[in-house]
Protein backbone atom coordinates (compact mmCIF):
# COMPACT_ATOMS: atom_id res chain seq x y z
CA UNK A 1 -73.19 48.92 -13.28
CA UNK A 2 -71.45 52.20 -12.49
CA UNK A 3 -73.29 55.12 -10.98
CA UNK A 4 -73.90 57.98 -13.39
CA UNK A 5 -74.03 61.56 -12.16
CA UNK A 6 -74.84 64.77 -13.95
CA UNK A 7 -73.43 67.55 -11.78
CA UNK A 8 -75.36 70.84 -11.83
CA UNK A 9 -73.46 74.09 -12.24
CA UNK A 10 -74.04 75.08 -8.60
CA UNK A 11 -71.83 72.17 -7.47
CA UNK A 12 -68.05 72.79 -7.38
CA UNK A 13 -65.99 71.04 -10.05
CA UNK A 14 -63.87 69.63 -7.20
CA UNK A 15 -66.92 67.64 -6.09
CA UNK A 16 -67.28 66.20 -9.59
CA UNK A 17 -63.61 65.22 -9.47
CA UNK A 18 -64.14 63.53 -6.08
CA UNK A 19 -66.95 61.47 -7.63
CA UNK A 20 -64.72 60.52 -10.57
CA UNK A 21 -62.05 59.41 -8.08
CA UNK A 22 -64.65 57.09 -6.53
CA UNK A 23 -65.50 55.45 -9.86
CA UNK A 24 -68.67 57.37 -10.69
CA UNK A 25 -69.36 58.30 -14.33
CA UNK A 26 -69.61 62.09 -14.12
CA UNK A 27 -70.72 64.74 -16.58
CA UNK A 28 -70.84 68.39 -15.53
CA UNK A 29 -73.12 71.04 -16.96
CA UNK A 30 -70.03 72.78 -18.33
CA UNK A 31 -68.71 69.58 -19.87
CA UNK A 32 -72.07 68.96 -21.52
CA UNK A 33 -72.33 72.52 -22.79
CA UNK A 34 -75.46 73.08 -20.71
CA UNK A 35 -74.47 76.04 -18.53
CA UNK A 36 -77.36 78.42 -18.05
CA UNK A 37 -80.02 75.85 -18.97
CA UNK A 38 -83.23 75.93 -16.92
CA UNK A 39 -83.79 73.42 -14.13
CA UNK A 40 -86.30 71.58 -16.31
CA UNK A 41 -83.76 71.37 -19.15
CA UNK A 42 -81.08 70.11 -16.75
CA UNK A 43 -83.34 67.34 -15.45
CA UNK A 44 -84.40 66.43 -18.99
CA UNK A 45 -80.74 66.07 -20.00
CA UNK A 46 -80.05 63.89 -16.97
CA UNK A 47 -83.09 61.75 -17.74
CA UNK A 48 -82.04 61.19 -21.36
CA UNK A 49 -78.51 60.18 -20.29
CA UNK A 50 -79.69 57.97 -17.39
CA UNK A 51 -77.77 60.00 -14.81
CA UNK A 52 -78.84 61.26 -11.41
CA UNK A 53 -78.77 65.03 -11.27
CA UNK A 54 -76.55 66.16 -8.40
CA UNK A 55 -77.60 69.60 -7.16
CA UNK A 56 -77.98 71.91 -4.17
CA UNK A 57 -81.32 73.14 -5.51
CA UNK A 58 -83.73 70.88 -3.64
CA UNK A 59 -86.89 72.96 -3.82
CA UNK A 60 -87.12 73.31 -7.59
CA UNK A 61 -86.00 69.77 -8.37
CA UNK A 62 -88.44 68.21 -5.91
CA UNK A 63 -91.23 69.98 -7.79
CA UNK A 64 -89.84 68.81 -11.14
CA UNK A 65 -89.49 65.26 -9.79
CA UNK A 66 -93.18 65.24 -8.85
CA UNK A 67 -94.08 66.57 -12.29
CA UNK A 68 -92.17 63.64 -13.83
CA UNK A 69 -93.97 61.17 -11.57
CA UNK A 70 -97.40 62.59 -12.40
CA UNK A 71 -96.72 62.41 -16.13
CA UNK A 72 -95.12 58.95 -16.02
CA UNK A 73 -91.75 60.17 -17.33
CA UNK A 74 -88.79 58.22 -15.94
CA UNK A 75 -85.59 59.74 -14.62
CA UNK A 76 -82.81 58.61 -12.30
CA UNK A 77 -83.82 61.22 -9.75
CA UNK A 78 -82.34 64.31 -8.26
CA UNK A 79 -79.53 63.59 -5.84
CA UNK A 80 -78.38 66.10 -3.31
CA UNK A 81 -74.68 66.52 -2.75
CA UNK A 82 -74.58 65.37 0.88
CA UNK A 83 -76.82 62.37 0.22
CA UNK A 84 -75.00 61.31 -2.96
CA UNK A 85 -71.64 60.97 -1.21
CA UNK A 86 -73.15 58.94 1.62
CA UNK A 87 -74.16 56.31 -0.96
CA UNK A 88 -70.56 55.74 -2.08
């Protein structure tokens, strides 16, 4: 099973390309037509597609992650740029 990443718009496109070069399935917010969506909408899109959301925005996504846990909604989790690369 290949890793799936949904790269938030605050991450450089070059990072998305680096993930692609390492065999990760990558979708960017621009590629998905989701630029300008709220953090909640970005995480919802990632959850529906089964991708981890790669972002710099820890604070807001940690709160959203806990909201998902409390409500029993599944998602592949937020992934932070530095941590995501260390997994490859």
